[in-house]
Amino acid sequence: MTAERPPVEMVGNCVVVRHFSPADATRLHEAILESVEHLAPWMPWAGLEPVDLADREKLVADWCELWQAGKDFNFGVFENGRLVGGCGLHRRIGPGGLEIGYWTRAGDTGRGIAREAVRCLVTGAFSMSNIAILEVHHDVANIASGRIPERLGFTFVEEREDGAVAPAEIGVERVWRLHRRDWDAVGPRS
């Protein structure tokens, strides 16, 4: 039986969210290198930067394998063909659920890009018959990340000790949850 996957591409109001392909490795590489100072305080993987292009190409190839296996789903966020961020649906919260992650390229924050990308991910995730719950997890110090699930109708569930894994984190994770029935009832919010 083939694992169910979200759509390869989702179109929002201002962005296109699509599965990374090997051809995107150079654009991803440039966006991350341009954004390291912006991302490193919050993203543990950004602390490992810079990596070379060959490593980035391997990463994208690995993402493609995980996608095909139905295990993990990484997307690029594009505006007029330019990579302005990344996001993903990750199998970290157990059966029937996916965790959503996102980042925006430095210089493109504060424009609603991440919110629109997450809206696309929610719609795409709930198109999968086996997904009933979505969650967003972020450190409480990352206030900007917390605005996104709140504005999209996620419900705050809890704060829990999680240990700081990036320099700006304080080690307390905030968890937001959205049930399919709630999204279906109210639809996407602005």
N, C-alpha and C. Protein backbone atom coordinates (compact mmCIF):
# COMPACT_ATOMS: atom_id res chain seq x y z
N MET A 1 0.84 -1.18 0.00
CA MET A 1 0.00 0.00 0.00
C MET A 1 0.89 1.25 0.00
N THR A 2 0.58 2.20 -0.84
CA THR A 2 1.34 3.43 -0.95
C THR A 2 0.93 4.40 0.16
N ALA A 3 1.91 5.03 0.78
CA ALA A 3 1.63 5.99 1.84
C ALA A 3 0.94 7.22 1.24
N GLU A 4 -0.02 7.73 1.97
CA GLU A 4 -0.72 8.93 1.52
C GLU A 4 0.17 10.15 1.71
N ARG A 5 0.08 11.08 0.76
CA ARG A 5 0.91 12.29 0.79
C ARG A 5 0.04 13.51 0.55
N PRO A 6 0.51 14.67 1.00
CA PRO A 6 -0.21 15.91 0.68
C PRO A 6 0.00 16.27 -0.79
N PRO A 7 -0.73 17.26 -1.28
CA PRO A 7 -0.49 17.70 -2.67
C PRO A 7 0.96 18.16 -2.86
N VAL A 8 1.47 17.96 -4.05
CA VAL A 8 2.83 18.38 -4.38
C VAL A 8 2.93 19.90 -4.41
N GLU A 9 1.84 20.56 -4.82
CA GLU A 9 1.84 22.02 -4.92
C GLU A 9 0.51 22.57 -4.43
N MET A 10 0.61 23.67 -3.68
CA MET A 10 -0.57 24.36 -3.18
C MET A 10 -0.39 25.85 -3.45
N VAL A 11 -1.43 26.48 -3.94
CA VAL A 11 -1.35 27.89 -4.30
C VAL A 11 -2.14 28.70 -3.29
N GLY A 12 -1.48 29.68 -2.68
CA GLY A 12 -2.13 30.58 -1.73
C GLY A 12 -2.37 31.94 -2.36
N ASN A 13 -2.76 32.89 -1.53
CA ASN A 13 -3.03 34.24 -2.02
C ASN A 13 -1.79 34.92 -2.57
N CYS A 14 -0.64 34.70 -1.94
CA CYS A 14 0.57 35.41 -2.37
C CYS A 14 1.75 34.49 -2.62
N VAL A 15 1.58 33.19 -2.37
CA VAL A 15 2.70 32.26 -2.50
C VAL A 15 2.26 30.96 -3.16
N VAL A 16 3.26 30.25 -3.64
CA VAL A 16 3.09 28.87 -4.08
C VAL A 16 3.93 28.03 -3.14
N VAL A 17 3.32 27.02 -2.56
CA VAL A 17 4.00 26.10 -1.66
C VAL A 17 4.11 24.78 -2.41
N ARG A 18 5.35 24.36 -2.68
CA ARG A 18 5.50 23.12 -3.43
C ARG A 18 6.66 22.29 -2.90
N HIS A 19 6.50 21.01 -3.09
CA HIS A 19 7.50 20.03 -2.69
C HIS A 19 8.85 20.41 -3.32
N PHE A 20 9.90 20.37 -2.51
CA PHE A 20 11.23 20.64 -3.03
C PHE A 20 11.62 19.55 -4.03
N SER A 21 12.24 19.97 -5.11
CA SER A 21 12.82 19.03 -6.08
C SER A 21 14.33 19.26 -6.09
N PRO A 22 15.09 18.31 -6.63
CA PRO A 22 16.54 18.51 -6.70
C PRO A 22 16.94 19.82 -7.40
N ALA A 23 16.13 20.27 -8.33
CA ALA A 23 16.44 21.53 -9.04
C ALA A 23 16.37 22.75 -8.13
N ASP A 24 15.77 22.61 -6.95
CA ASP A 24 15.64 23.73 -6.01
C ASP A 24 16.83 23.88 -5.07
N ALA A 25 17.77 22.96 -5.11
CA ALA A 25 18.86 22.96 -4.13
C ALA A 25 19.66 24.26 -4.13
N THR A 26 19.96 24.80 -5.30
CA THR A 26 20.74 26.03 -5.37
C THR A 26 19.96 27.20 -4.79
N ARG A 27 18.68 27.30 -5.11
CA ARG A 27 17.85 28.39 -4.56
C ARG A 27 17.71 28.26 -3.04
N LEU A 28 17.56 27.04 -2.58
CA LEU A 28 17.49 26.82 -1.13
C LEU A 28 18.81 27.21 -0.48
N HIS A 29 19.90 26.82 -1.08
CA HIS A 29 21.23 27.13 -0.56
C HIS A 29 21.41 28.65 -0.43
N GLU A 30 21.06 29.38 -1.47
CA GLU A 30 21.20 30.84 -1.44
C GLU A 30 20.31 31.47 -0.38
N ALA A 31 19.07 31.00 -0.28
CA ALA A 31 18.14 31.58 0.70
C ALA A 31 18.61 31.34 2.12
N ILE A 32 19.10 30.14 2.40
CA ILE A 32 19.57 29.84 3.76
C ILE A 32 20.82 30.63 4.08
N LEU A 33 21.79 30.66 3.17
CA LEU A 33 23.01 31.41 3.44
C LEU A 33 22.72 32.88 3.67
N GLU A 34 21.78 33.43 2.92
CA GLU A 34 21.39 34.83 3.09
C GLU A 34 20.69 35.05 4.44
N SER A 35 20.12 33.99 5.01
CA SER A 35 19.25 34.12 6.18
C SER A 35 19.83 33.54 7.46
N VAL A 36 21.07 33.10 7.44
CA VAL A 36 21.64 32.41 8.60
C VAL A 36 21.51 33.22 9.89
N GLU A 37 21.86 34.49 9.85
CA GLU A 37 21.77 35.29 11.08
C GLU A 37 20.34 35.41 11.58
N HIS A 38 19.40 35.45 10.67
CA HIS A 38 17.98 35.55 11.01
C HIS A 38 17.45 34.22 11.56
N LEU A 39 17.91 33.09 11.02
CA LEU A 39 17.39 31.77 11.39
C LEU A 39 18.10 31.14 12.59
N ALA A 40 19.39 31.37 12.73
CA ALA A 40 20.18 30.68 13.75
C ALA A 40 19.66 30.83 15.18
N PRO A 41 19.09 31.97 15.57
CA PRO A 41 18.58 32.06 16.94
C PRO A 41 17.45 31.07 17.25
N TRP A 42 16.72 30.62 16.21
CA TRP A 42 15.53 29.81 16.44
C TRP A 42 15.58 28.40 15.86
N MET A 43 16.40 28.20 14.86
CA MET A 43 16.45 26.91 14.15
C MET A 43 17.76 26.19 14.45
N PRO A 44 17.70 25.08 15.17
CA PRO A 44 18.95 24.38 15.51
C PRO A 44 19.79 24.03 14.28
N TRP A 45 19.15 23.65 13.18
CA TRP A 45 19.90 23.28 11.98
C TRP A 45 20.67 24.46 11.40
N ALA A 46 20.19 25.68 11.62
CA ALA A 46 20.88 26.86 11.08
C ALA A 46 22.21 27.09 11.80
N GLY A 47 22.35 26.57 12.99
CA GLY A 47 23.61 26.68 13.71
C GLY A 47 24.73 25.86 13.07
N LEU A 48 24.37 24.95 12.18
CA LEU A 48 25.36 24.13 11.48
C LEU A 48 25.83 24.77 10.18
N GLU A 49 25.26 25.91 9.84
CA GLU A 49 25.61 26.61 8.60
C GLU A 49 26.92 27.37 8.78
N PRO A 50 27.63 27.60 7.70
CA PRO A 50 27.28 27.26 6.33
C PRO A 50 27.68 25.83 5.99
N VAL A 51 26.89 25.20 5.14
CA VAL A 51 27.26 23.92 4.54
C VAL A 51 27.50 24.20 3.06
N ASP A 52 28.17 23.29 2.40
CA ASP A 52 28.42 23.53 0.97
C ASP A 52 27.24 23.06 0.13
N LEU A 53 27.25 23.46 -1.11
CA LEU A 53 26.14 23.17 -2.01
C LEU A 53 25.93 21.66 -2.18
N ALA A 54 26.99 20.89 -2.21
CA ALA A 54 26.85 19.44 -2.36
C ALA A 54 26.08 18.84 -1.18
N ASP A 55 26.33 19.34 0.02
CA ASP A 55 25.57 18.87 1.19
C ASP A 55 24.10 19.28 1.09
N ARG A 56 23.87 20.46 0.57
CA ARG A 56 22.48 20.92 0.40
C ARG A 56 21.76 20.06 -0.64
N GLU A 57 22.46 19.73 -1.71
CA GLU A 57 21.86 18.86 -2.73
C GLU A 57 21.53 17.49 -2.15
N LYS A 58 22.39 16.97 -1.30
CA LYS A 58 22.14 15.68 -0.63
C LYS A 58 20.93 15.80 0.28
N LEU A 59 20.81 16.91 1.00
CA LEU A 59 19.67 17.12 1.89
C LEU A 59 18.36 17.10 1.10
N VAL A 60 18.32 17.82 0.00
CA VAL A 60 17.11 17.86 -0.82
C VAL A 60 16.81 16.47 -1.38
N ALA A 61 17.82 15.74 -1.79
CA ALA A 61 17.62 14.37 -2.28
C ALA A 61 17.04 13.49 -1.17
N ASP A 62 17.55 13.65 0.05
CA ASP A 62 17.01 12.90 1.19
C ASP A 62 15.55 13.25 1.43
N TRP A 63 15.22 14.56 1.33
CA TRP A 63 13.82 14.98 1.50
C TRP A 63 12.94 14.32 0.45
N CYS A 64 13.43 14.22 -0.77
CA CYS A 64 12.65 13.59 -1.84
C CYS A 64 12.38 12.12 -1.54
N GLU A 65 13.37 11.42 -0.98
CA GLU A 65 13.18 10.02 -0.59
C GLU A 65 12.16 9.89 0.53
N LEU A 66 12.24 10.77 1.53
CA LEU A 66 11.27 10.74 2.63
C LEU A 66 9.87 11.03 2.12
N TRP A 67 9.75 11.96 1.17
CA TRP A 67 8.46 12.28 0.56
C TRP A 67 7.88 11.03 -0.11
N GLN A 68 8.69 10.39 -0.94
CA GLN A 68 8.21 9.20 -1.66
C GLN A 68 7.77 8.10 -0.70
N ALA A 69 8.45 8.00 0.43
CA ALA A 69 8.09 6.99 1.42
C ALA A 69 6.90 7.41 2.28
N GLY A 70 6.44 8.65 2.11
CA GLY A 70 5.31 9.14 2.90
C GLY A 70 5.66 9.42 4.35
N LYS A 71 6.95 9.67 4.62
CA LYS A 71 7.41 9.85 6.00
C LYS A 71 7.54 11.30 6.44
N ASP A 72 7.90 12.19 5.54
CA ASP A 72 8.15 13.58 5.90
C ASP A 72 7.98 14.41 4.63
N PHE A 73 7.45 15.64 4.79
CA PHE A 73 7.08 16.43 3.62
C PHE A 73 7.64 17.85 3.75
N ASN A 74 8.69 18.14 2.99
CA ASN A 74 9.31 19.46 3.01
C ASN A 74 8.93 20.23 1.75
N PHE A 75 8.62 21.50 1.94
CA PHE A 75 8.15 22.35 0.85
C PHE A 75 8.98 23.63 0.79
N GLY A 76 9.10 24.14 -0.42
CA GLY A 76 9.61 25.48 -0.61
C GLY A 76 8.43 26.43 -0.71
N VAL A 77 8.64 27.66 -0.28
CA VAL A 77 7.62 28.70 -0.38
C VAL A 77 8.15 29.70 -1.41
N PHE A 78 7.39 29.89 -2.47
CA PHE A 78 7.84 30.71 -3.59
C PHE A 78 6.89 31.87 -3.83
N GLU A 79 7.48 33.02 -4.11
CA GLU A 79 6.72 34.20 -4.48
C GLU A 79 7.29 34.68 -5.81
N ASN A 80 6.48 34.66 -6.84
CA ASN A 80 6.94 35.04 -8.18
C ASN A 80 8.19 34.27 -8.59
N GLY A 81 8.24 32.99 -8.25
CA GLY A 81 9.36 32.13 -8.61
C GLY A 81 10.57 32.21 -7.71
N ARG A 82 10.59 33.13 -6.76
CA ARG A 82 11.71 33.32 -5.83
C ARG A 82 11.43 32.56 -4.54
N LEU A 83 12.42 31.81 -4.05
CA LEU A 83 12.27 31.07 -2.80
C LEU A 83 12.29 32.05 -1.64
N VAL A 84 11.19 32.15 -0.91
CA VAL A 84 11.08 33.10 0.20
C VAL A 84 10.93 32.40 1.55
N GLY A 85 11.01 31.08 1.55
CA GLY A 85 10.94 30.36 2.81
C GLY A 85 10.80 28.88 2.60
N GLY A 86 10.63 28.20 3.71
CA GLY A 86 10.45 26.76 3.68
C GLY A 86 9.45 26.37 4.75
N CYS A 87 8.85 25.22 4.56
CA CYS A 87 7.89 24.73 5.55
C CYS A 87 7.79 23.22 5.40
N GLY A 88 7.12 22.61 6.36
CA GLY A 88 7.01 21.16 6.27
C GLY A 88 5.90 20.60 7.13
N LEU A 89 5.53 19.39 6.77
CA LEU A 89 4.59 18.57 7.53
C LEU A 89 5.39 17.37 8.01
N HIS A 90 5.49 17.22 9.33
CA HIS A 90 6.40 16.23 9.91
C HIS A 90 5.64 15.26 10.80
N ARG A 91 5.96 13.99 10.67
CA ARG A 91 5.31 12.92 11.45
C ARG A 91 6.02 12.79 12.81
N ARG A 92 5.75 13.76 13.67
CA ARG A 92 6.39 13.80 14.99
C ARG A 92 5.41 13.64 16.14
N ILE A 93 4.12 13.68 15.86
CA ILE A 93 3.15 13.74 16.96
C ILE A 93 2.27 12.51 17.07
N GLY A 94 2.58 11.48 16.32
CA GLY A 94 1.83 10.24 16.42
C GLY A 94 0.86 10.03 15.27
N PRO A 95 0.23 8.86 15.25
CA PRO A 95 -0.69 8.52 14.16
C PRO A 95 -1.83 9.53 14.06
N GLY A 96 -2.20 9.86 12.84
CA GLY A 96 -3.32 10.77 12.61
C GLY A 96 -2.97 12.23 12.74
N GLY A 97 -1.69 12.53 12.98
CA GLY A 97 -1.30 13.92 13.16
C GLY A 97 0.00 14.26 12.47
N LEU A 98 0.16 15.55 12.21
CA LEU A 98 1.40 16.08 11.64
C LEU A 98 1.76 17.36 12.37
N GLU A 99 3.05 17.57 12.53
CA GLU A 99 3.54 18.84 13.08
C GLU A 99 3.96 19.72 11.90
N ILE A 100 3.61 20.99 12.00
CA ILE A 100 3.94 21.96 10.97
C ILE A 100 5.15 22.78 11.42
N GLY A 101 6.11 22.93 10.52
CA GLY A 101 7.25 23.81 10.76
C GLY A 101 7.36 24.80 9.62
N TYR A 102 8.00 25.95 9.88
CA TYR A 102 8.10 26.99 8.85
C TYR A 102 9.22 27.96 9.18
N TRP A 103 9.74 28.58 8.13
CA TRP A 103 10.71 29.67 8.27
C TRP A 103 10.56 30.58 7.06
N THR A 104 10.96 31.82 7.25
CA THR A 104 10.88 32.81 6.18
C THR A 104 12.27 33.38 5.94
N ARG A 105 12.58 33.62 4.70
CA ARG A 105 13.87 34.19 4.31
C ARG A 105 14.04 35.57 4.94
N ALA A 106 15.24 35.87 5.36
CA ALA A 106 15.54 37.20 5.90
C ALA A 106 15.16 38.24 4.86
N GLY A 107 14.57 39.31 5.30
CA GLY A 107 14.14 40.37 4.39
C GLY A 107 12.72 40.18 3.88
N ASP A 108 12.14 39.01 4.12
CA ASP A 108 10.77 38.74 3.67
C ASP A 108 9.82 38.49 4.84
N THR A 109 10.29 38.73 6.05
CA THR A 109 9.43 38.52 7.22
C THR A 109 8.43 39.67 7.36
N GLY A 110 7.39 39.41 8.12
CA GLY A 110 6.40 40.45 8.42
C GLY A 110 5.46 40.77 7.27
N ARG A 111 5.46 39.94 6.23
CA ARG A 111 4.61 40.20 5.07
C ARG A 111 3.49 39.18 4.93
N GLY A 112 3.34 38.27 5.89
CA GLY A 112 2.29 37.27 5.83
C GLY A 112 2.65 36.03 5.04
N ILE A 113 3.90 35.89 4.66
CA ILE A 113 4.33 34.75 3.86
C ILE A 113 4.21 33.45 4.64
N ALA A 114 4.73 33.41 5.85
CA ALA A 114 4.66 32.18 6.64
C ALA A 114 3.21 31.83 6.96
N ARG A 115 2.40 32.81 7.29
CA ARG A 115 0.98 32.55 7.59
C ARG A 115 0.29 31.94 6.38
N GLU A 116 0.52 32.49 5.20
CA GLU A 116 -0.11 31.96 3.99
C GLU A 116 0.42 30.56 3.67
N ALA A 117 1.71 30.33 3.88
CA ALA A 117 2.29 29.00 3.65
C ALA A 117 1.66 27.98 4.60
N VAL A 118 1.50 28.36 5.87
CA VAL A 118 0.89 27.44 6.83
C VAL A 118 -0.57 27.17 6.46
N ARG A 119 -1.28 28.20 6.03
CA ARG A 119 -2.67 28.00 5.59
C ARG A 119 -2.70 26.95 4.47
N CYS A 120 -1.78 27.05 3.52
CA CYS A 120 -1.71 26.06 2.44
C CYS A 120 -1.41 24.67 3.00
N LEU A 121 -0.48 24.59 3.95
CA LEU A 121 -0.14 23.29 4.54
C LEU A 121 -1.33 22.67 5.25
N VAL A 122 -2.09 23.49 5.97
CA VAL A 122 -3.27 22.97 6.68
C VAL A 122 -4.24 22.35 5.68
N THR A 123 -4.54 23.10 4.63
CA THR A 123 -5.47 22.59 3.62
C THR A 123 -4.92 21.31 2.98
N GLY A 124 -3.63 21.31 2.66
CA GLY A 124 -3.02 20.13 2.06
C GLY A 124 -3.00 18.94 3.00
N ALA A 125 -2.67 19.18 4.26
CA ALA A 125 -2.62 18.08 5.23
C ALA A 125 -4.00 17.47 5.44
N PHE A 126 -5.01 18.33 5.53
CA PHE A 126 -6.36 17.81 5.75
C PHE A 126 -6.97 17.20 4.49
N SER A 127 -6.29 17.30 3.36
CA SER A 127 -6.74 16.57 2.18
C SER A 127 -6.34 15.09 2.28
N MET A 128 -5.47 14.78 3.24
CA MET A 128 -5.05 13.40 3.48
C MET A 128 -6.07 12.77 4.43
N SER A 129 -6.67 11.67 4.02
CA SER A 129 -7.76 11.07 4.80
C SER A 129 -7.33 10.60 6.18
N ASN A 130 -6.05 10.31 6.36
CA ASN A 130 -5.58 9.77 7.63
C ASN A 130 -5.08 10.85 8.60
N ILE A 131 -5.25 12.12 8.28
CA ILE A 131 -4.79 13.19 9.16
C ILE A 131 -5.98 13.90 9.78
N ALA A 132 -6.02 13.92 11.11
CA ALA A 132 -7.12 14.55 11.85
C ALA A 132 -6.66 15.71 12.71
N ILE A 133 -5.36 15.75 13.02
CA ILE A 133 -4.83 16.76 13.94
C ILE A 133 -3.53 17.33 13.38
N LEU A 134 -3.38 18.65 13.49
CA LEU A 134 -2.14 19.33 13.16
C LEU A 134 -1.67 20.09 14.38
N GLU A 135 -0.36 20.18 14.55
CA GLU A 135 0.19 20.95 15.65
C GLU A 135 1.32 21.85 15.16
N VAL A 136 1.47 22.96 15.85
CA VAL A 136 2.63 23.84 15.70
C VAL A 136 3.29 23.91 17.06
N HIS A 137 4.58 23.70 17.11
CA HIS A 137 5.37 23.80 18.34
C HIS A 137 6.41 24.89 18.14
N HIS A 138 6.57 25.76 19.14
CA HIS A 138 7.62 26.79 19.06
C HIS A 138 8.02 27.18 20.47
N ASP A 139 9.22 27.66 20.61
CA ASP A 139 9.68 28.17 21.90
C ASP A 139 8.88 29.43 22.24
N VAL A 140 8.52 29.60 23.51
CA VAL A 140 7.70 30.75 23.90
C VAL A 140 8.38 32.08 23.59
N ALA A 141 9.70 32.08 23.53
CA ALA A 141 10.41 33.32 23.21
C ALA A 141 10.25 33.72 21.75
N ASN A 142 9.86 32.78 20.90
CA ASN A 142 9.68 33.08 19.48
C ASN A 142 8.25 33.56 19.25
N ILE A 143 8.03 34.79 19.61
CA ILE A 143 6.69 35.39 19.56
C ILE A 143 6.15 35.43 18.14
N ALA A 144 6.99 35.74 17.17
CA ALA A 144 6.53 35.82 15.78
C ALA A 144 5.97 34.48 15.31
N SER A 145 6.62 33.39 15.67
CA SER A 145 6.12 32.07 15.28
C SER A 145 4.77 31.78 15.90
N GLY A 146 4.55 32.25 17.10
CA GLY A 146 3.29 32.00 17.79
C GLY A 146 2.10 32.73 17.20
N ARG A 147 2.34 33.83 16.53
CA ARG A 147 1.23 34.58 15.93
C ARG A 147 0.54 33.79 14.82
N ILE A 148 1.29 32.96 14.15
CA ILE A 148 0.75 32.26 12.98
C ILE A 148 -0.34 31.26 13.35
N PRO A 149 -0.09 30.31 14.25
CA PRO A 149 -1.18 29.38 14.57
C PRO A 149 -2.37 30.09 15.24
N GLU A 150 -2.07 31.09 16.03
CA GLU A 150 -3.16 31.83 16.68
C GLU A 150 -4.08 32.48 15.64
N ARG A 151 -3.49 33.11 14.64
CA ARG A 151 -4.29 33.78 13.60
C ARG A 151 -5.02 32.82 12.67
N LEU A 152 -4.55 31.59 12.60
CA LEU A 152 -5.18 30.61 11.72
C LEU A 152 -6.20 29.72 12.44
N GLY A 153 -6.47 30.01 13.69
CA GLY A 153 -7.51 29.27 14.40
C GLY A 153 -7.06 28.05 15.16
N PHE A 154 -5.75 27.85 15.31
CA PHE A 154 -5.26 26.78 16.17
C PHE A 154 -5.61 27.12 17.61
N THR A 155 -5.75 26.11 18.43
CA THR A 155 -6.03 26.30 19.85
C THR A 155 -4.75 26.08 20.64
N PHE A 156 -4.46 27.01 21.55
CA PHE A 156 -3.32 26.84 22.45
C PHE A 156 -3.61 25.65 23.35
N VAL A 157 -2.66 24.71 23.44
CA VAL A 157 -2.86 23.49 24.22
C VAL A 157 -2.08 23.53 25.53
N GLU A 158 -0.80 23.84 25.43
CA GLU A 158 0.02 23.81 26.65
C GLU A 158 1.39 24.43 26.41
N GLU A 159 2.05 24.73 27.52
CA GLU A 159 3.47 25.04 27.53
C GLU A 159 4.14 23.95 28.32
N ARG A 160 5.30 23.50 27.83
CA ARG A 160 6.01 22.43 28.52
C ARG A 160 7.51 22.61 28.39
N GLU A 161 8.21 22.16 29.39
CA GLU A 161 9.66 22.21 29.37
C GLU A 161 10.15 21.35 28.20
N ASP A 162 11.07 21.91 27.42
CA ASP A 162 11.52 21.20 26.24
C ASP A 162 13.04 21.25 26.08
N GLY A 163 13.68 22.11 26.81
CA GLY A 163 15.12 22.28 26.65
C GLY A 163 15.43 23.17 25.46
N ALA A 164 16.26 24.14 25.67
CA ALA A 164 16.65 25.06 24.61
C ALA A 164 17.58 24.33 23.64
N VAL A 165 17.27 24.38 22.35
CA VAL A 165 18.11 23.74 21.34
C VAL A 165 18.68 24.74 20.33
N ALA A 166 18.30 26.00 20.49
CA ALA A 166 18.83 27.08 19.65
C ALA A 166 19.12 28.26 20.57
N PRO A 167 20.03 29.14 20.19
CA PRO A 167 20.51 30.19 21.09
C PRO A 167 19.46 31.12 21.70
N ALA A 168 18.42 31.49 20.99
CA ALA A 168 17.43 32.44 21.53
C ALA A 168 16.32 31.76 22.32
N GLU A 169 16.28 30.45 22.30
CA GLU A 169 15.22 29.73 23.01
C GLU A 169 15.44 29.76 24.51
N ILE A 170 14.32 29.69 25.24
CA ILE A 170 14.42 29.60 26.70
C ILE A 170 14.10 28.19 27.21
N GLY A 171 13.71 27.30 26.30
CA GLY A 171 13.49 25.90 26.68
C GLY A 171 12.09 25.57 27.14
N VAL A 172 11.14 26.45 26.83
CA VAL A 172 9.74 26.18 27.12
C VAL A 172 9.01 26.19 25.78
N GLU A 173 8.42 25.06 25.46
CA GLU A 173 7.75 24.91 24.17
C GLU A 173 6.25 25.21 24.31
N ARG A 174 5.73 25.95 23.36
CA ARG A 174 4.30 26.23 23.29
C ARG A 174 3.72 25.34 22.19
N VAL A 175 2.61 24.68 22.50
CA VAL A 175 1.96 23.76 21.57
C VAL A 175 0.58 24.30 21.19
N TRP A 176 0.33 24.34 19.89
CA TRP A 176 -0.95 24.75 19.32
C TRP A 176 -1.50 23.57 18.54
N ARG A 177 -2.84 23.39 18.57
CA ARG A 177 -3.44 22.24 17.88
C ARG A 177 -4.65 22.69 17.07
N LEU A 178 -4.82 22.03 15.94
CA LEU A 178 -5.98 22.25 15.09
C LEU A 178 -6.54 20.90 14.68
N HIS A 179 -7.84 20.71 14.94
CA HIS A 179 -8.54 19.49 14.54
C HIS A 179 -9.20 19.71 13.18
N ARG A 180 -9.21 18.69 12.39
CA ARG A 180 -9.85 18.76 11.07
C ARG A 180 -11.28 19.28 11.18
N ARG A 181 -12.03 18.79 12.17
CA ARG A 181 -13.43 19.19 12.30
C ARG A 181 -13.57 20.69 12.50
N ASP A 182 -12.62 21.30 13.19
CA ASP A 182 -12.67 22.75 13.42
C ASP A 182 -12.33 23.51 12.15
N TRP A 183 -11.34 23.04 11.40
CA TRP A 183 -10.98 23.68 10.13
C TRP A 183 -12.13 23.55 9.14
N ASP A 184 -12.73 22.36 9.08
CA ASP A 184 -13.84 22.14 8.17
C ASP A 184 -15.04 23.03 8.52
N ALA A 185 -15.23 23.28 9.82
CA ALA A 185 -16.38 24.05 10.28
C ALA A 185 -16.24 25.55 9.97
N VAL A 186 -15.03 26.09 10.15
CA VAL A 186 -14.86 27.54 9.97
C VAL A 186 -14.10 27.90 8.71
N GLY A 187 -13.37 26.94 8.15
CA GLY A 187 -12.59 27.22 6.95
C GLY A 187 -11.38 28.08 7.27
N PRO A 188 -10.59 28.35 6.28
CA PRO A 188 -9.37 29.13 6.49
C PRO A 188 -9.68 30.55 6.92
N ARG A 189 -8.94 31.02 7.90
CA ARG A 189 -9.08 32.39 8.37
C ARG A 189 -8.07 33.28 7.68
N SER A 190 -8.34 34.56 7.68
CA SER A 190 -7.39 35.50 7.06
C SER A 190 -6.30 35.86 8.02
